[in-house]
C-alpha atoms as a PDB file:
ATOM      1  CA  MET A   1      -2.075 -54.413 -29.811  1.00  0.00           C
ATOM      2  CA  PHE A   2      -3.677 -54.023 -25.767  1.00  0.00           C
ATOM      3  CA  VAL A   3      -0.347 -52.022 -25.302  1.00  0.00           C
ATOM      4  CA  HIS A   4      -0.885 -49.761 -28.144  1.00  0.00           C
ATOM      5  CA  THR A   5      -3.934 -48.550 -26.859  1.00  0.00           C
ATOM      6  CA  ALA A   6      -3.102 -48.606 -22.956  1.00  0.00           C
ATOM      7  CA  ALA A   7       0.365 -46.186 -24.578  1.00  0.00           C
ATOM      8  CA  ILE A   8      -2.244 -44.072 -26.561  1.00  0.00           C
ATOM      9  CA  ALA A   9      -4.518 -43.422 -23.574  1.00  0.00           C
ATOM     10  CA  ASP A  10      -1.651 -42.617 -21.156  1.00  0.00           C
ATOM     11  CA  SER A  11      -0.508 -40.464 -23.451  1.00  0.00           C
ATOM     12  CA  ALA A  12      -3.524 -38.457 -23.831  1.00  0.00           C
ATOM     13  CA  THR A  13      -3.780 -38.246 -20.265  1.00  0.00           C
ATOM     14  CA  GLN A  14      -0.484 -36.785 -20.183  1.00  0.00           C
ATOM     15  CA  GLN A  15      -1.429 -34.104 -22.475  1.00  0.00           C
ATOM     16  CA  GLN A  16      -3.881 -33.225 -20.514  1.00  0.00           C
ATOM     17  CA  ARG A  17      -2.085 -33.226 -17.313  1.00  0.00           C
ATOM     18  CA  SER A  18       0.120 -30.929 -19.112  1.00  0.00           C
ATOM     19  CA  ARG A  19      -2.346 -28.460 -20.668  1.00  0.00           C
ATOM     20  CA  MET A  20      -3.824 -27.905 -17.116  1.00  0.00           C
ATOM     21  CA  PHE A  21      -0.847 -27.105 -15.969  1.00  0.00           C
ATOM     22  CA  TRP A  22       0.142 -24.282 -18.464  1.00  0.00           C
ATOM     23  CA  MET A  23      -3.404 -22.937 -18.016  1.00  0.00           C
ATOM     24  CA  VAL A  24      -2.756 -22.885 -13.895  1.00  0.00           C
ATOM     25  CA  LEU A  25       0.451 -21.509 -14.320  1.00  0.00           C
ATOM     26  CA  GLY A  26      -0.535 -18.976 -16.546  1.00  0.00           C
ATOM     27  CA  ALA A  27      -3.862 -18.259 -14.487  1.00  0.00           C
ATOM     28  CA  LEU A  28      -1.521 -17.647 -11.453  1.00  0.00           C
ATOM     29  CA  ALA A  29       0.879 -15.067 -13.321  1.00  0.00           C
ATOM     30  CA  ALA A  30      -2.346 -13.141 -14.504  1.00  0.00           C
ATOM     31  CA  VAL A  31      -3.318 -13.299 -11.135  1.00  0.00           C
ATOM     32  CA  GLN A  32       0.484 -12.023  -9.647  1.00  0.00           C
ATOM     33  CA  LEU A  33       0.035  -9.404 -12.439  1.00  0.00           C
ATOM     34  CA  VAL A  34      -3.073  -7.815 -11.634  1.00  0.00           C
ATOM     35  CA  ALA A  35      -2.229  -7.956  -7.606  1.00  0.00           C
ATOM     36  CA  PHE A  36       1.039  -5.845  -8.441  1.00  0.00           C
ATOM     37  CA  TRP A  37      -0.934  -3.261 -10.579  1.00  0.00           C
ATOM     38  CA  LEU A  38      -3.394  -3.343  -7.432  1.00  0.00           C
ATOM     39  CA  VAL A  39      -0.583  -2.558  -5.424  1.00  0.00           C
ATOM     40  CA  CYS A  40       1.252  -0.014  -7.211  1.00  0.00           C
ATOM     41  CA  SER A  41      -1.913   1.936  -8.030  1.00  0.00           C
ATOM     42  CA  HIS A  42      -3.044   2.220  -4.071  1.00  0.00           C
ATOM     43  CA  GLN A  43       0.940   3.527  -3.843  1.00  0.00           C
ATOM     44  CA  VAL A  44       0.509   6.006  -6.214  1.00  0.00           C
ATOM     45  CA  ARG A  45      -3.000   7.343  -5.003  1.00  0.00           C
ATOM     46  CA  VAL A  46      -1.605   7.292  -1.536  1.00  0.00           C
ATOM     47  CA  ALA A  47       1.523   9.206  -2.723  1.00  0.00           C
ATOM     48  CA  GLU A  48      -0.777  12.056  -4.562  1.00  0.00           C
ATOM     49  CA  ALA A  49      -2.482  12.402  -1.691  1.00  0.00           C
ATOM     50  CA  ARG A  50       0.507  13.132   0.597  1.00  0.00           C
ATOM     51  CA  GLN A  51       1.685  15.473  -2.523  1.00  0.00           C
ATOM     52  CA  ASN A  52      -2.145  17.337  -2.232  1.00  0.00           C
ATOM     53  CA  GLU A  53      -2.008  17.778   1.011  1.00  0.00           C
ATOM     54  CA  LEU A  54       1.893  19.292   1.026  1.00  0.00           C
ATOM     55  CA  THR A  55       0.058  21.731  -1.315  1.00  0.00           C
ATOM     56  CA  VAL A  56      -2.410  22.827   0.691  1.00  0.00           C
ATOM     57  CA  GLN A  57      -0.510  23.078   3.817  1.00  0.00           C
ATOM     58  CA  GLN A  58       1.843  25.833   1.614  1.00  0.00           C
ATOM     59  CA  MET A  59      -1.507  27.265   0.233  1.00  0.00           C
ATOM     60  CA  ALA A  60      -2.772  27.582   3.879  1.00  0.00           C
ATOM     61  CA  LEU A  61       0.637  29.470   4.566  1.00  0.00           C
ATOM     62  CA  ALA A  62       0.717  31.373   1.875  1.00  0.00           C
ATOM     63  CA  ASP A  63      -3.134  33.144   2.634  1.00  0.00           C
ATOM     64  CA  CYS A  64      -2.401  33.230   6.338  1.00  0.00           C
ATOM     65  CA  LEU A  65       0.697  35.722   5.462  1.00  0.00           C
ATOM     66  CA  GLN A  66      -1.190  37.388   3.224  1.00  0.00           C
ATOM     67  CA  TYR A  67      -4.812  38.023   4.746  1.00  0.00           C
ATOM     68  CA  ILE A  68      -3.668  38.297   8.055  1.00  0.00           C
ATOM     69  CA  PRO A  69      -2.073  41.577   9.252  1.00  0.00           C
ATOM     70  CA  GLY A  70       1.300  41.841  10.988  1.00  0.00           C
ATOM     71  CA  SER A  71       1.405  37.506  11.085  1.00  0.00           C
ATOM     72  CA  THR A  72       4.746  36.676  10.302  1.00  0.00           C
ATOM     73  CA  ILE A  73       6.142  32.551   9.431  1.00  0.00           C
ATOM     74  CA  ALA A  74       6.202  31.877  12.479  1.00  0.00           C
ATOM     75  CA  SER A  75       2.674  32.722  13.959  1.00  0.00           C
ATOM     76  CA  CYS A  76       1.451  31.027  10.930  1.00  0.00           C
ATOM     77  CA  GLY A  77       3.216  28.207  11.370  1.00  0.00           C
ATOM     78  CA  SER A  78       2.023  28.208  14.906  1.00  0.00           C
ATOM     79  CA  ARG A  79      -1.791  28.593  13.743  1.00  0.00           C
ATOM     80  CA  LEU A  80      -1.084  25.335  11.049  1.00  0.00           C
ATOM     81  CA  GLY A  81       0.877  23.558  13.680  1.00  0.00           C
ATOM     82  CA  ALA A  82      -1.981  23.409  15.676  1.00  0.00           C
ATOM     83  CA  THR A  83      -4.359  21.930  13.540  1.00  0.00           C
ATOM     84  CA  ALA A  84      -1.634  19.568  12.197  1.00  0.00           C
ATOM     85  CA  ALA A  85      -1.044  18.881  15.987  1.00  0.00           C
ATOM     86  CA  ALA A  86      -4.476  17.522  16.400  1.00  0.00           C
ATOM     87  CA  LYS A  87      -4.611  15.586  13.399  1.00  0.00           C
ATOM     88  CA  ASN A  88      -1.351  13.829  14.399  1.00  0.00           C
ATOM     89  CA  ALA A  89      -2.750  13.164  18.054  1.00  0.00           C
ATOM     90  CA  GLN A  90      -5.848  11.758  16.335  1.00  0.00           C
ATOM     91  CA  ALA A  91      -3.504   9.106  14.199  1.00  0.00           C
ATOM     92  CA  SER A  92      -1.490   8.333  17.131  1.00  0.00           C
ATOM     93  CA  VAL A  93      -4.790   7.348  19.201  1.00  0.00           C
ATOM     94  CA  SER A  94      -5.160   4.816  16.476  1.00  0.00           C
ATOM     95  CA  VAL A  95      -1.801   3.345  15.968  1.00  0.00           C
ATOM     96  CA  ASN A  96      -1.723   3.040  19.801  1.00  0.00           C
ATOM     97  CA  ARG A  97      -4.732   1.283  19.826  1.00  0.00           C
ATOM     98  CA  ALA A  98      -3.163  -0.550  16.902  1.00  0.00           C
ATOM     99  CA  VAL A  99      -0.009  -1.937  18.998  1.00  0.00           C
ATOM    100  CA  ALA A 100      -1.972  -2.143  21.969  1.00  0.00           C
ATOM    101  CA  GLY A 101      -1.155  -5.626  21.902  1.00  0.00           C
ATOM    102  CA  ALA A 102       1.940  -5.634  20.799  1.00  0.00           C
ATOM    103  CA  GLN A 103       4.812  -7.163  23.762  1.00  0.00           C
ATOM    104  CA  PRO A 104       8.449  -5.475  23.397  1.00  0.00           C
ATOM    105  CA  VAL A 105      10.784  -8.041  21.745  1.00  0.00           C
ATOM    106  CA  GLY A 106      14.716  -7.817  23.189  1.00  0.00           C
ATOM    107  CA  PHE A 107      17.475  -9.703  21.892  1.00  0.00           C
ATOM    108  CA  SER A 108      21.052 -10.286  23.655  1.00  0.00           C
ATOM    109  CA  TYR A 109      23.242 -11.975  21.938  1.00  0.00           C
ATOM    110  CA  ARG A 110      26.693 -13.408  24.224  1.00  0.00           C
END
């Protein structure tokens, strides 16, 4: 009789462990889905920002050609390029700061 009650108690413990395992596995899957959604939504926002920046640049070029007398595509491009170059210089400075501690790595195969 003692063996039978021990088997029942072991069976109940095993069911609790199995239920807990599936709960943890389900929670992990839910967390991964939320993380995937966050990554995808961030990528979409970045792509929309790039698209908006391109649209603004095209509108600026069209406005330059329309409202500045005697302007050409090259002159308007150089005007817009000067502001873009300043923006790229700021971006490269921040990238150089991030990479300042990096060491170059070389591989040689024989």
